[in-house]
Amino acid sequence: MAQDISLYQQFNGRYDYLAIGNTMNLAENGTSAPCEIHTESSANLTLNDNQNVVAAYLYWAGSGAGDFNISLNNIDITTERTFSDAIDSNRIFFAAFADVTSIIIDQGSTEYTISNFDLTDVIAPYCPSGTNFGGWAITIIYEDSNLPLNQLNVYDGLQSVPEYLSITLDNLNVLDNENAKIGFVAWEGDRSIAVNEQLTINGSVISNYPLNPANNAFNGTNSFTGESNLYNMDIDVYSIQNHINIGDTTANIVLTSGQDFVMINNIITVLNSQLPDATITIDNDAMSCGDNQIEIFYTVYNSNSTAILPANTPIAFYYNDSLIGVSVTQNEIAINGSESSSISINLPDNLDSLVTIIAIVDDDGTMNGVVTESNENNNSAFKEIELLIIPETTILPDLIGCNEGFESSTYNLFEAIESLDFNEEDLSFYRSLEDLHLGDNSIIMPSHYYNVSNPETIYIKLISPPCYEIFQFNLNIENCPPYIPQGFSPNNDSKNDWFNIQGLYNIFTEHELQIFNRYGELIFYGNNDKPWNGEINRGLNNKGNIVPVGTYYYVLNLNDPKYRPKVGWVYVNY
């Protein structure tokens, strides 16, 4: 049922702390004590001018299941975290926590009163066994420019000390043991019971005689104020500068109570420990549509630290537990300093659109660090990134153009997407996918485009945030029916001087043209290389002459399986 004491918050810098509080008991509990309890009590806080409050934590505790709504100087307080412990099913206890930093900063040095803390209807079953109690304490962390660089750790939970409670502090780097201290808030201790009540650090018993004898650590006192009437609670602090050594990287704290049921609610350590504390954030990312390469923008911080973070501190980037990139810090990062940089990483193919990237500073790529830090558990950051995945290419129907000669034609490329809803400024046309993705060499005049091959594939990029869509279609050419004029005038005036059958020459390259006179005699035979300009090139007579004015019969064989021969009359005039 109890909650193990564990690190709640850490402060690195020129920090120290003090604590105030008071009991709700009228006297030390016991069989002869009155079975009554206060609903309010007060304590004075005195801060020096150079002590700037950075955090203030209110703890309150008592018998029973808990009163979690109280008042501090008439300001309503609701618990943010709760704790519980028990001797047996009939004797249960609670503790509560609230961050009251803003109140302490606002009101400063003054008297603080806890009220509306009412256990009156709760304590009766606890009185016969002397386990009725209630009390409160405020731990105040402050910054003072005159202090050395310290590491201040706030541990809390609710753990009973009927016999033995051990806590090991890791990640220390003690450079100076002067003014090193440890303190705690404890509940339900009895001054009259002093059976093996000890606090030891690194195997040495510590005390603060006469206020806190070595064998009676839990005796209703406040070491900060010298008070000795905090019935059934303790706010104690001890100097440990003679019990911890320069160079120590760990410290072992042991609390014992041979008879009395005591509950530890918080433990505070203040040590001159100079270490960096590397943290990282992923600030932004950049990528191209359809590209698995991402540029990650990140910042490494050395906040809440007491030493510089060295250059070349490694950084690793992971996706699905796989290492995808490594980097290092370029420079030393000062206390409370930072360094921003970026890295390009390549993700595997065939991913979902949403991926999670994890960045870990002080990681050599094997999940191992190389820098000793004040906090080894805050080195990572993650970010969900939406990849710019391009939808599958949409195939559109071919555009068919009439052969204008040598398998070329003119196209209005917009006709390929007439069925789509689009803004023309969001469209661009390309001859290759590579150009499309790069945005290079777009077709300048899509409304009047000459093909360069037959068939030719055209690609369309349609802007569709956050990315774009791709469409594809082919340009094909067919030989359209030629237009045959009804006549011409071969008089060399540069106007209509020859039998200009439009859509024939250099299109139906295998065609054959025969011209007959009115007597049915063949007078001209032509092909793709020889159009008819009115000259006679067949028959026994008149070869090389121009035909006289009149109507002539033509037979045009296109030699295209799609078309039958075309026949008709053409009039020649001068």
Protein backbone atom coordinates (compact mmCIF):
# COMPACT_ATOMS: atom_id res chain seq x y z
CA MET A 1 0.00 0.00 0.00
CA ALA A 2 2.91 2.35 0.72
CA GLN A 3 4.59 4.36 -2.04
CA ASP A 4 8.37 4.02 -2.17
CA ILE A 5 10.38 7.16 -1.68
CA SER A 6 11.69 8.24 -5.12
CA LEU A 7 13.09 11.31 -6.80
CA TYR A 8 10.38 13.89 -7.47
CA GLN A 9 12.38 16.94 -8.55
CA GLN A 10 15.99 17.97 -8.89
CA PHE A 11 17.52 21.45 -8.80
CA ASN A 12 21.06 22.10 -9.95
CA GLY A 13 22.62 25.46 -9.25
CA ARG A 14 22.98 27.81 -6.33
CA TYR A 15 20.08 26.31 -4.39
CA ASP A 16 19.25 25.46 -0.79
CA TYR A 17 16.04 24.94 1.14
CA LEU A 18 14.19 25.45 4.38
CA ALA A 19 10.91 24.12 5.75
CA ILE A 20 8.09 25.24 8.00
CA GLY A 21 5.00 23.49 9.29
CA ASN A 22 2.93 22.57 12.30
CA THR A 23 0.96 19.79 13.91
CA MET A 24 -2.79 19.55 14.29
CA ASN A 25 -2.45 17.53 17.50
CA LEU A 26 -3.14 19.20 20.84
CA ALA A 27 -0.47 17.02 22.43
CA GLU A 28 1.64 14.00 21.60
CA ASN A 29 -0.72 11.14 20.89
CA GLY A 30 -1.01 8.24 23.29
CA THR A 31 -3.53 6.54 25.56
CA SER A 32 -3.52 9.44 28.00
CA ALA A 33 -3.72 12.21 25.39
CA PRO A 34 -7.02 13.94 24.61
CA CYS A 35 -8.78 12.44 21.60
CA GLU A 36 -9.10 15.85 19.95
CA ILE A 37 -7.46 17.59 17.00
CA HIS A 38 -7.23 21.11 15.64
CA THR A 39 -8.67 22.11 12.25
CA GLU A 40 -6.07 24.82 11.73
CA SER A 41 -2.55 25.74 12.78
CA SER A 42 0.12 28.25 11.78
CA ALA A 43 3.87 28.67 11.24
CA ASN A 44 6.07 31.65 10.37
CA LEU A 45 8.32 31.85 7.31
CA THR A 46 11.29 34.20 7.32
CA LEU A 47 13.28 34.64 4.11
CA ASN A 48 16.43 36.69 3.65
CA ASP A 49 16.46 39.35 0.96
CA ASN A 50 18.84 37.35 -1.25
CA GLN A 51 16.81 34.15 -1.02
CA ASN A 52 14.60 33.93 -4.12
CA VAL A 53 11.94 31.25 -3.96
CA VAL A 54 11.90 28.90 -6.96
CA ALA A 55 9.62 26.14 -5.62
CA ALA A 56 7.41 25.47 -2.62
CA TYR A 57 5.78 22.10 -1.92
CA LEU A 58 3.02 21.61 0.63
CA TYR A 59 2.66 18.18 2.27
CA TRP A 60 -0.08 17.32 4.72
CA ALA A 61 -0.94 14.02 6.36
CA GLY A 62 -3.05 12.37 9.01
CA SER A 63 -5.06 9.42 10.20
CA GLY A 64 -7.77 7.97 8.00
CA ALA A 65 -8.50 7.89 4.28
CA GLY A 66 -7.73 11.57 3.81
CA ASP A 67 -8.87 15.19 3.71
CA PHE A 68 -7.69 16.40 0.32
CA ASN A 69 -9.24 19.87 0.23
CA ILE A 70 -7.79 22.37 2.68
CA SER A 71 -6.87 26.08 2.77
CA LEU A 72 -3.56 27.93 2.96
CA ASN A 73 -3.98 31.51 4.15
CA ASN A 74 -7.63 31.26 3.10
CA ILE A 75 -6.70 30.07 -0.40
CA ASP A 76 -8.36 26.78 -1.34
CA ILE A 77 -5.89 23.98 -1.94
CA THR A 78 -6.72 20.67 -3.64
CA THR A 79 -4.25 17.83 -3.60
CA GLU A 80 -2.28 17.15 -6.77
CA ARG A 81 -0.86 13.83 -5.61
CA THR A 82 -1.89 11.48 -2.82
CA PHE A 83 -0.09 8.82 -0.79
CA SER A 84 -1.26 6.14 1.62
CA ASP A 85 0.10 3.65 4.15
CA ALA A 86 -1.30 1.41 6.86
CA ILE A 87 -0.46 -0.58 9.96
CA ASP A 88 -3.40 -2.91 9.37
CA SER A 89 -6.83 -2.77 7.76
CA ASN A 90 -8.21 -0.69 10.64
CA ARG A 91 -5.39 1.82 10.86
CA ILE A 92 -4.78 3.53 7.54
CA PHE A 93 -3.05 6.84 6.93
CA PHE A 94 -2.80 9.36 4.11
CA ALA A 95 -0.53 12.10 2.86
CA ALA A 96 -1.16 14.73 0.19
CA PHE A 97 0.87 17.09 -1.96
CA ALA A 98 0.27 20.46 -3.64
CA ASP A 99 2.60 22.87 -5.39
CA VAL A 100 2.15 26.23 -3.63
CA THR A 101 5.06 28.06 -5.24
CA SER A 102 2.95 30.95 -6.50
CA ILE A 103 1.45 31.57 -3.05
CA ILE A 104 4.83 31.61 -1.29
CA ILE A 105 6.37 33.89 -3.93
CA ASP A 106 3.39 36.23 -3.68
CA GLN A 107 3.19 36.42 0.12
CA GLY A 108 6.84 35.90 1.05
CA SER A 109 7.92 36.18 4.69
CA THR A 110 4.76 36.00 6.76
CA GLU A 111 2.65 33.71 8.89
CA TYR A 112 1.09 30.78 7.03
CA THR A 113 -2.06 29.13 8.33
CA ILE A 114 -3.49 25.83 7.25
CA SER A 115 -7.25 25.70 7.86
CA ASN A 116 -10.26 23.58 6.87
CA PHE A 117 -8.11 20.55 7.63
CA ASP A 118 -10.66 18.59 9.63
CA LEU A 119 -10.00 15.09 10.99
CA THR A 120 -12.32 15.52 13.97
CA ASP A 121 -14.68 12.76 12.90
CA VAL A 122 -11.88 10.44 11.84
CA ILE A 123 -9.42 10.08 14.72
CA ALA A 124 -11.57 8.37 17.39
CA PRO A 125 -10.71 4.77 16.39
CA TYR A 126 -7.01 5.69 16.32
CA CYS A 127 -6.77 7.24 19.80
CA PRO A 128 -6.68 4.03 21.88
CA SER A 129 -3.56 2.86 20.00
CA GLY A 130 -1.92 6.31 19.95
CA THR A 131 -1.95 6.60 16.15
CA ASN A 132 -4.17 9.67 15.83
CA PHE A 133 -2.37 12.58 14.19
CA GLY A 134 -2.50 15.36 11.61
CA GLY A 135 0.06 17.86 10.41
CA TRP A 136 1.49 19.87 7.52
CA ALA A 137 4.85 21.05 6.20
CA ILE A 138 6.01 23.35 3.39
CA THR A 139 9.40 22.69 1.78
CA ILE A 140 10.74 25.92 0.25
CA ILE A 141 13.57 25.75 -2.32
CA TYR A 142 15.35 29.02 -2.94
CA GLU A 143 18.19 30.36 -5.06
CA ASP A 144 20.94 32.46 -3.52
CA SER A 145 23.82 33.86 -5.56
CA ASN A 146 26.09 33.50 -2.53
CA LEU A 147 25.70 29.72 -2.46
CA PRO A 148 28.03 27.25 -4.16
CA LEU A 149 26.81 25.16 -7.09
CA ASN A 150 24.69 22.48 -5.44
CA GLN A 151 22.54 19.58 -6.46
CA LEU A 152 19.30 19.63 -4.47
CA ASN A 153 17.13 16.52 -4.73
CA VAL A 154 13.53 16.28 -3.53
CA TYR A 155 12.46 12.69 -2.92
CA ASP A 156 8.97 11.83 -1.78
CA GLY A 157 6.44 9.05 -1.33
CA LEU A 158 5.00 7.57 1.84
CA GLN A 159 7.02 4.76 3.32
CA SER A 160 6.94 3.49 6.87
CA VAL A 161 10.10 2.93 8.88
CA PRO A 162 9.16 0.20 11.35
CA GLU A 163 12.61 -1.29 10.99
CA TYR A 164 14.72 -0.30 7.98
CA LEU A 165 14.46 2.07 5.02
CA SER A 166 17.41 2.40 2.61
CA ILE A 167 17.82 4.88 -0.24
CA THR A 168 20.84 5.09 -2.55
CA LEU A 169 21.58 8.37 -4.29
CA ASP A 170 23.28 7.94 -7.67
CA ASN A 171 24.91 10.27 -10.22
CA LEU A 172 26.76 12.35 -7.68
CA ASN A 173 30.06 14.12 -8.22
CA VAL A 174 30.91 15.62 -4.84
CA LEU A 175 33.47 18.38 -5.28
CA ASP A 176 33.13 19.94 -1.86
CA ASN A 177 31.42 18.47 1.19
CA GLU A 178 31.02 21.78 3.01
CA ASN A 179 27.42 22.46 4.07
CA ALA A 180 26.21 19.12 2.69
CA LYS A 181 22.91 18.30 4.36
CA ILE A 182 19.99 15.91 4.44
CA GLY A 183 16.50 16.57 5.74
CA PHE A 184 13.13 14.88 5.89
CA VAL A 185 9.47 15.27 6.74
CA ALA A 186 8.16 12.40 8.88
CA TRP A 187 4.77 11.66 10.45
CA GLU A 188 3.52 9.90 13.58
CA GLY A 189 6.83 9.78 15.47
CA ASP A 190 6.60 9.79 19.29
CA ARG A 191 9.13 11.60 21.49
CA SER A 192 8.54 9.04 24.26
CA ILE A 193 9.56 6.10 22.05
CA ALA A 194 13.29 5.99 21.34
CA VAL A 195 14.12 2.45 20.28
CA ASN A 196 16.84 2.36 17.62
CA GLU A 197 15.52 5.48 15.91
CA GLN A 198 18.50 6.39 13.76
CA LEU A 199 19.47 8.17 10.59
CA THR A 200 22.71 6.98 8.97
CA ILE A 201 24.53 8.05 5.85
CA ASN A 202 27.25 5.90 4.35
CA GLY A 203 27.13 3.80 7.52
CA SER A 204 27.62 6.69 9.98
CA VAL A 205 24.93 7.61 12.52
CA ILE A 206 24.13 11.32 12.35
CA SER A 207 22.37 13.46 14.93
CA ASN A 208 21.65 17.03 15.90
CA TYR A 209 21.95 16.96 19.68
CA PRO A 210 20.16 18.02 21.82
CA LEU A 211 17.25 18.65 19.41
CA ASN A 212 17.63 15.28 17.65
CA PRO A 213 19.51 12.71 19.72
CA ALA A 214 21.17 9.88 17.80
CA ASN A 215 18.64 7.33 19.17
CA ASN A 216 15.49 9.45 18.84
CA ALA A 217 15.34 10.93 15.36
CA PHE A 218 11.53 11.11 15.21
CA ASN A 219 10.69 13.24 18.21
CA GLY A 220 8.39 16.09 17.08
CA THR A 221 10.94 18.76 16.19
CA ASN A 222 11.77 21.29 13.48
CA SER A 223 15.53 21.65 13.03
CA PHE A 224 15.13 24.88 11.08
CA THR A 225 13.28 26.73 13.86
CA GLY A 226 14.35 24.78 16.94
CA GLU A 227 10.75 23.96 17.83
CA SER A 228 10.15 20.79 19.84
CA ASN A 229 6.34 20.78 20.03
CA LEU A 230 5.47 19.47 16.55
CA TYR A 231 3.57 16.58 18.08
CA ASN A 232 3.80 13.42 15.98
CA MET A 233 5.65 14.98 13.06
CA ASP A 234 9.23 15.98 12.28
CA ILE A 235 10.82 18.57 10.01
CA ASP A 236 14.48 17.80 10.50
CA VAL A 237 17.71 18.63 8.70
CA TYR A 238 21.21 17.31 9.43
CA SER A 239 24.68 18.32 8.37
CA ILE A 240 26.44 15.44 6.61
CA GLN A 241 29.60 17.21 5.51
CA ASN A 242 31.69 14.88 7.70
CA HIS A 243 29.96 11.80 6.33
CA ILE A 244 30.35 12.29 2.60
CA ASN A 245 33.65 12.62 0.80
CA ILE A 246 34.93 14.62 -2.12
CA GLY A 247 34.79 12.41 -5.19
CA ASP A 248 31.85 10.31 -3.98
CA THR A 249 29.50 9.30 -6.79
CA THR A 250 26.89 7.63 -4.55
CA ALA A 251 25.51 8.02 -1.04
CA ASN A 252 23.51 5.53 0.99
CA ILE A 253 20.87 6.77 3.43
CA VAL A 254 19.30 4.43 6.00
CA LEU A 255 16.48 5.26 8.44
CA THR A 256 15.48 2.86 11.22
CA SER A 257 12.85 2.70 13.96
CA GLY A 258 12.84 -0.29 16.26
CA GLN A 259 9.39 0.23 17.76
CA ASP A 260 7.63 3.41 16.76
CA PHE A 261 5.54 3.41 13.53
CA VAL A 262 6.98 6.30 11.53
CA MET A 263 6.23 7.34 7.96
CA ILE A 264 8.69 9.26 5.79
CA ASN A 265 6.96 11.63 3.35
CA ASN A 266 9.93 13.45 1.82
CA ILE A 267 13.70 13.52 1.93
CA ILE A 268 15.82 16.46 0.77
CA THR A 269 19.55 16.28 0.02
CA VAL A 270 21.81 19.24 -0.70
CA LEU A 271 25.27 18.37 -2.03
CA ASN A 272 27.95 20.38 -3.78
CA SER A 273 27.91 18.24 -6.93
CA GLN A 274 29.08 19.70 -10.24
CA LEU A 275 27.69 17.81 -13.22
CA PRO A 276 26.14 18.70 -16.57
CA ASP A 277 22.62 17.65 -17.48
CA ALA A 278 22.06 17.09 -21.18
CA THR A 279 18.54 17.30 -22.57
CA ILE A 280 17.31 17.56 -26.14
CA THR A 281 14.29 18.80 -28.04
CA ILE A 282 13.25 18.15 -31.63
CA ASP A 283 12.28 21.61 -32.80
CA ASN A 284 11.27 21.12 -36.41
CA ASP A 285 11.65 18.99 -39.48
CA ALA A 286 11.82 19.48 -43.23
CA MET A 287 11.28 17.06 -46.08
CA SER A 288 10.28 16.87 -49.70
CA CYS A 289 7.18 15.21 -51.04
CA GLY A 290 7.68 11.52 -51.59
CA ASP A 291 11.18 11.60 -50.07
CA ASN A 292 12.19 9.46 -47.09
CA GLN A 293 15.05 11.80 -46.26
CA ILE A 294 14.15 14.14 -43.40
CA GLU A 295 16.14 17.01 -41.97
CA ILE A 296 15.69 17.12 -38.20
CA PHE A 297 16.29 20.42 -36.41
CA TYR A 298 17.13 19.93 -32.73
CA THR A 299 18.51 21.73 -29.69
CA VAL A 300 20.71 20.29 -26.94
CA TYR A 301 20.40 22.02 -23.55
CA ASN A 302 22.50 22.01 -20.41
CA SER A 303 19.80 23.39 -18.13
CA ASN A 304 19.45 22.60 -14.43
CA SER A 305 23.17 21.79 -14.37
CA THR A 306 26.24 22.65 -12.34
CA ALA A 307 28.97 22.05 -14.96
CA ILE A 308 29.57 22.53 -18.67
CA LEU A 309 28.48 19.83 -21.11
CA PRO A 310 31.58 18.85 -23.09
CA ALA A 311 31.89 19.14 -26.86
CA ASN A 312 31.43 15.95 -28.90
CA THR A 313 28.68 14.67 -26.63
CA PRO A 314 27.06 12.01 -28.85
CA ILE A 315 23.47 12.16 -30.08
CA ALA A 316 21.57 9.22 -31.56
CA PHE A 317 18.32 9.14 -33.54
CA TYR A 318 16.04 6.10 -33.65
CA TYR A 319 13.01 4.86 -35.53
CA ASN A 320 11.31 1.68 -34.28
CA ASP A 321 14.33 0.93 -32.05
CA SER A 322 16.62 1.08 -35.09
CA LEU A 323 19.48 3.57 -35.22
CA ILE A 324 18.96 5.89 -38.19
CA GLY A 325 21.40 8.73 -37.49
CA VAL A 326 24.17 9.97 -35.20
CA SER A 327 25.60 13.36 -34.44
CA VAL A 328 27.63 15.16 -31.74
CA THR A 329 27.57 18.54 -30.07
CA GLN A 330 30.02 20.91 -31.72
CA ASN A 331 30.98 23.07 -28.74
CA GLU A 332 31.04 23.07 -24.97
CA ILE A 333 27.59 24.04 -23.69
CA ALA A 334 27.64 26.31 -20.68
CA ILE A 335 25.41 25.97 -17.64
CA ASN A 336 21.89 26.91 -18.78
CA GLY A 337 23.22 27.15 -22.32
CA SER A 338 22.14 25.39 -25.50
CA GLU A 339 23.26 24.50 -29.01
CA SER A 340 21.02 24.08 -32.05
CA SER A 341 21.84 22.02 -35.09
CA SER A 342 20.30 19.72 -37.68
CA ILE A 343 20.86 16.30 -39.22
CA SER A 344 19.59 14.62 -42.39
CA ILE A 345 18.36 11.08 -41.82
CA ASN A 346 17.03 8.47 -44.20
CA LEU A 347 13.99 6.43 -43.22
CA PRO A 348 13.24 2.94 -44.54
CA ASP A 349 10.89 2.56 -47.49
CA ASN A 350 7.20 1.64 -47.33
CA LEU A 351 6.40 3.44 -44.09
CA ASP A 352 3.07 4.63 -42.77
CA SER A 353 2.44 8.33 -43.18
CA LEU A 354 2.96 8.97 -39.43
CA VAL A 355 6.33 8.04 -37.92
CA THR A 356 7.85 8.68 -34.50
CA ILE A 357 11.47 9.81 -34.34
CA ILE A 358 13.32 9.53 -31.01
CA ALA A 359 16.40 11.65 -30.27
CA ILE A 360 18.69 10.74 -27.36
CA VAL A 361 21.56 12.97 -26.27
CA ASP A 362 24.55 11.35 -24.57
CA ASP A 363 23.95 8.15 -26.53
CA ASP A 364 26.78 6.65 -28.57
CA GLY A 365 24.34 4.75 -30.79
CA THR A 366 24.22 1.69 -28.53
CA MET A 367 21.96 3.21 -25.86
CA ASN A 368 25.06 3.94 -23.74
CA GLY A 369 26.17 7.34 -22.50
CA VAL A 370 29.71 8.69 -22.23
CA VAL A 371 29.08 11.73 -19.99
CA THR A 372 28.28 11.48 -16.28
CA GLU A 373 25.21 13.66 -15.68
CA SER A 374 23.24 14.84 -12.71
CA ASN A 375 20.15 13.20 -14.22
CA GLU A 376 20.54 10.26 -16.58
CA ASN A 377 16.81 9.86 -17.15
CA ASN A 378 15.95 12.97 -19.16
CA ASN A 379 18.08 12.56 -22.28
CA SER A 380 15.41 11.72 -24.84
CA ALA A 381 12.76 13.49 -26.87
CA PHE A 382 10.41 12.27 -29.53
CA LYS A 383 8.32 13.77 -32.29
CA GLU A 384 5.60 12.38 -34.48
CA ILE A 385 6.27 13.38 -38.07
CA GLU A 386 3.81 13.11 -40.92
CA LEU A 387 5.60 12.06 -44.07
CA LEU A 388 4.69 13.81 -47.29
CA ILE A 389 3.54 10.69 -49.06
CA ILE A 390 2.45 11.16 -52.67
CA PRO A 391 -0.68 9.26 -53.72
CA GLU A 392 -0.44 6.64 -56.42
CA THR A 393 -0.16 8.13 -59.91
CA THR A 394 -3.53 8.48 -61.64
CA ILE A 395 -3.56 7.34 -65.27
CA LEU A 396 -5.65 9.56 -67.55
CA PRO A 397 -6.95 8.75 -71.04
CA ASP A 398 -4.61 9.43 -73.95
CA LEU A 399 -4.77 12.64 -75.91
CA ILE A 400 -5.02 11.94 -79.66
CA GLY A 401 -3.52 14.43 -82.08
CA CYS A 402 -3.77 14.57 -85.84
CA ASN A 403 -0.51 13.92 -87.60
CA GLU A 404 0.77 17.22 -88.88
CA GLY A 405 3.78 15.65 -90.51
CA PHE A 406 6.55 13.33 -89.49
CA GLU A 407 4.50 12.06 -86.53
CA SER A 408 4.18 15.42 -84.85
CA SER A 409 1.12 17.27 -83.69
CA THR A 410 -0.01 20.19 -81.58
CA TYR A 411 -1.83 19.55 -78.29
CA ASN A 412 -3.66 21.51 -75.63
CA LEU A 413 -2.51 19.53 -72.59
CA PHE A 414 -5.26 20.99 -70.41
CA GLU A 415 -7.73 18.87 -72.37
CA ALA A 416 -6.35 15.78 -70.58
CA ILE A 417 -7.76 16.94 -67.24
CA GLU A 418 -11.00 18.63 -68.28
CA SER A 419 -12.91 16.28 -65.98
CA LEU A 420 -10.96 17.38 -62.87
CA ASP A 421 -11.66 20.29 -60.56
CA PHE A 422 -8.49 22.41 -60.45
CA ASN A 423 -7.02 25.88 -60.51
CA GLU A 424 -4.73 26.38 -63.47
CA GLU A 425 -2.06 27.98 -61.27
CA ASP A 426 -1.82 24.74 -59.26
CA LEU A 427 -0.90 22.71 -62.35
CA SER A 428 2.40 22.11 -64.05
CA PHE A 429 3.33 19.69 -66.83
CA TYR A 430 6.57 17.72 -67.23
CA ARG A 431 8.17 15.28 -69.64
CA SER A 432 9.66 13.11 -66.83
CA LEU A 433 8.89 12.13 -63.24
CA GLU A 434 12.34 13.24 -62.16
CA ASP A 435 11.71 16.75 -63.42
CA LEU A 436 8.28 16.72 -61.78
CA HIS A 437 9.67 15.85 -58.32
CA LEU A 438 12.48 18.38 -58.67
CA GLY A 439 10.21 21.02 -60.17
CA ASP A 440 12.59 21.49 -63.10
CA ASN A 441 11.99 21.96 -66.84
CA SER A 442 8.24 22.32 -66.75
CA ILE A 443 6.46 22.68 -70.09
CA ILE A 444 6.18 26.39 -70.69
CA MET A 445 3.16 26.49 -73.06
CA PRO A 446 0.94 23.50 -72.20
CA SER A 447 -1.94 24.95 -74.24
CA HIS A 448 0.13 24.78 -77.45
CA TYR A 449 2.53 21.86 -77.11
CA TYR A 450 4.37 20.02 -79.88
CA ASN A 451 5.17 16.41 -79.08
CA VAL A 452 8.80 15.28 -79.29
CA SER A 453 8.12 11.56 -79.75
CA ASN A 454 5.27 9.26 -80.59
CA PRO A 455 3.91 8.13 -78.26
CA GLU A 456 5.03 10.57 -75.56
CA THR A 457 4.21 10.40 -71.83
CA ILE A 458 3.29 13.62 -70.05
CA TYR A 459 3.19 14.03 -66.24
CA ILE A 460 1.04 16.51 -64.35
CA LYS A 461 1.77 17.86 -60.85
CA LEU A 462 -1.36 19.13 -59.10
CA ILE A 463 -0.67 20.96 -55.84
CA SER A 464 -2.70 19.32 -53.09
CA PRO A 465 -1.42 20.40 -49.64
CA PRO A 466 0.55 19.22 -47.82
CA CYS A 467 1.94 17.62 -50.95
CA TYR A 468 0.78 17.08 -54.53
CA GLU A 469 -0.91 14.57 -56.79
CA ILE A 470 0.53 13.09 -59.97
CA PHE A 471 -1.37 12.36 -63.16
CA GLN A 472 -0.02 10.68 -66.24
CA PHE A 473 -1.24 10.39 -69.81
CA ASN A 474 0.13 9.64 -73.25
CA LEU A 475 0.16 11.73 -76.38
CA ASN A 476 -0.65 9.60 -79.39
CA ILE A 477 -0.84 10.54 -83.06
CA GLU A 478 -3.19 9.29 -85.70
CA ASN A 479 -3.50 10.11 -89.38
CA CYS A 480 -6.64 12.17 -89.67
CA PRO A 481 -8.63 12.29 -92.95
CA PRO A 482 -6.97 14.68 -95.39
CA TYR A 483 -8.82 17.73 -96.73
CA ILE A 484 -9.00 17.69 -100.55
CA PRO A 485 -9.57 21.10 -102.23
CA GLN A 486 -11.97 21.42 -105.17
CA GLY A 487 -9.47 23.16 -107.39
CA PHE A 488 -6.24 25.12 -107.86
CA SER A 489 -4.61 27.54 -110.34
CA PRO A 490 -1.04 26.66 -111.43
CA ASN A 491 -0.20 30.17 -112.70
CA ASN A 492 2.89 30.76 -110.54
CA ASP A 493 1.34 33.64 -108.65
CA SER A 494 2.30 31.94 -105.35
CA LYS A 495 -1.35 31.50 -104.52
CA ASN A 496 -2.95 28.10 -104.74
CA ASP A 497 -0.42 27.00 -107.35
CA TRP A 498 -0.69 23.25 -106.66
CA PHE A 499 -3.12 20.54 -105.69
CA ASN A 500 -2.60 21.13 -101.95
CA ILE A 501 -4.28 18.21 -100.20
CA GLN A 502 -3.97 19.24 -96.57
CA GLY A 503 -3.09 16.57 -94.02
CA LEU A 504 -1.55 14.32 -96.70
CA TYR A 505 2.09 15.08 -97.36
CA ASN A 506 4.61 13.77 -94.82
CA ILE A 507 1.67 12.17 -93.04
CA PHE A 508 0.39 9.48 -95.40
CA THR A 509 3.91 9.02 -96.67
CA GLU A 510 3.05 5.94 -98.74
CA HIS A 511 0.14 7.49 -100.59
CA GLU A 512 -0.34 7.36 -104.36
CA LEU A 513 -2.13 10.10 -106.36
CA GLN A 514 -3.48 9.46 -109.90
CA ILE A 515 -4.97 12.18 -112.13
CA PHE A 516 -7.12 11.31 -115.19
CA ASN A 517 -8.43 13.58 -117.92
CA ARG A 518 -12.04 13.54 -119.06
CA TYR A 519 -11.27 10.75 -121.47
CA GLY A 520 -10.10 8.53 -118.67
CA GLU A 521 -6.46 8.75 -119.61
CA LEU A 522 -3.87 8.75 -116.80
CA ILE A 523 -1.96 12.00 -117.10
CA PHE A 524 -0.23 12.23 -113.70
CA TYR A 525 1.12 9.89 -111.07
CA GLY A 526 2.39 11.33 -107.76
CA ASN A 527 3.42 10.32 -104.23
CA ASN A 528 4.71 11.88 -101.01
CA ASP A 529 7.74 13.24 -102.84
CA LYS A 530 5.87 14.52 -105.87
CA PRO A 531 2.73 16.61 -105.46
CA TRP A 532 0.70 17.68 -108.51
CA ASN A 533 1.30 21.21 -109.75
CA GLY A 534 -0.78 20.74 -112.93
CA GLU A 535 2.04 19.11 -114.91
CA ILE A 536 1.51 16.04 -117.09
CA ASN A 537 3.93 13.20 -116.37
CA ARG A 538 2.08 10.25 -117.95
CA GLY A 539 0.93 9.35 -121.47
CA LEU A 540 2.59 9.42 -124.89
CA ASN A 541 2.06 13.10 -125.59
CA ASN A 542 2.27 16.41 -123.69
CA LYS A 543 4.67 15.22 -120.96
CA GLY A 544 6.03 18.23 -119.08
CA ASN A 545 3.16 20.44 -120.19
CA ILE A 546 0.64 22.05 -117.91
CA VAL A 547 -2.89 20.78 -118.31
CA PRO A 548 -5.43 23.10 -119.84
CA VAL A 549 -8.31 24.59 -117.91
CA GLY A 550 -10.80 21.91 -117.07
CA THR A 551 -12.06 19.30 -114.65
CA TYR A 552 -9.89 16.28 -113.83
CA TYR A 553 -10.61 13.08 -112.02
CA TYR A 554 -8.40 12.02 -109.12
CA VAL A 555 -7.86 8.72 -107.31
CA LEU A 556 -6.05 9.08 -103.95
CA ASN A 557 -4.91 5.82 -102.41
CA LEU A 558 -3.69 6.60 -98.87
CA ASN A 559 -2.28 3.09 -98.38
CA ASP A 560 -3.59 3.16 -94.82
CA PRO A 561 -5.77 0.24 -93.72
CA LYS A 562 -8.04 2.67 -91.89
CA TYR A 563 -9.02 4.49 -95.06
CA ARG A 564 -10.46 3.47 -98.43
CA PRO A 565 -9.19 5.22 -101.59
CA LYS A 566 -10.68 8.67 -102.12
CA VAL A 567 -11.97 9.69 -105.58
CA GLY A 568 -13.40 12.89 -106.95
CA TRP A 569 -13.07 15.83 -109.35
CA VAL A 570 -10.70 18.76 -109.19
CA TYR A 571 -11.01 21.89 -111.31
CA VAL A 572 -7.89 23.48 -112.78
CA ASN A 573 -8.05 27.16 -113.73
CA TYR A 574 -5.60 29.94 -114.52
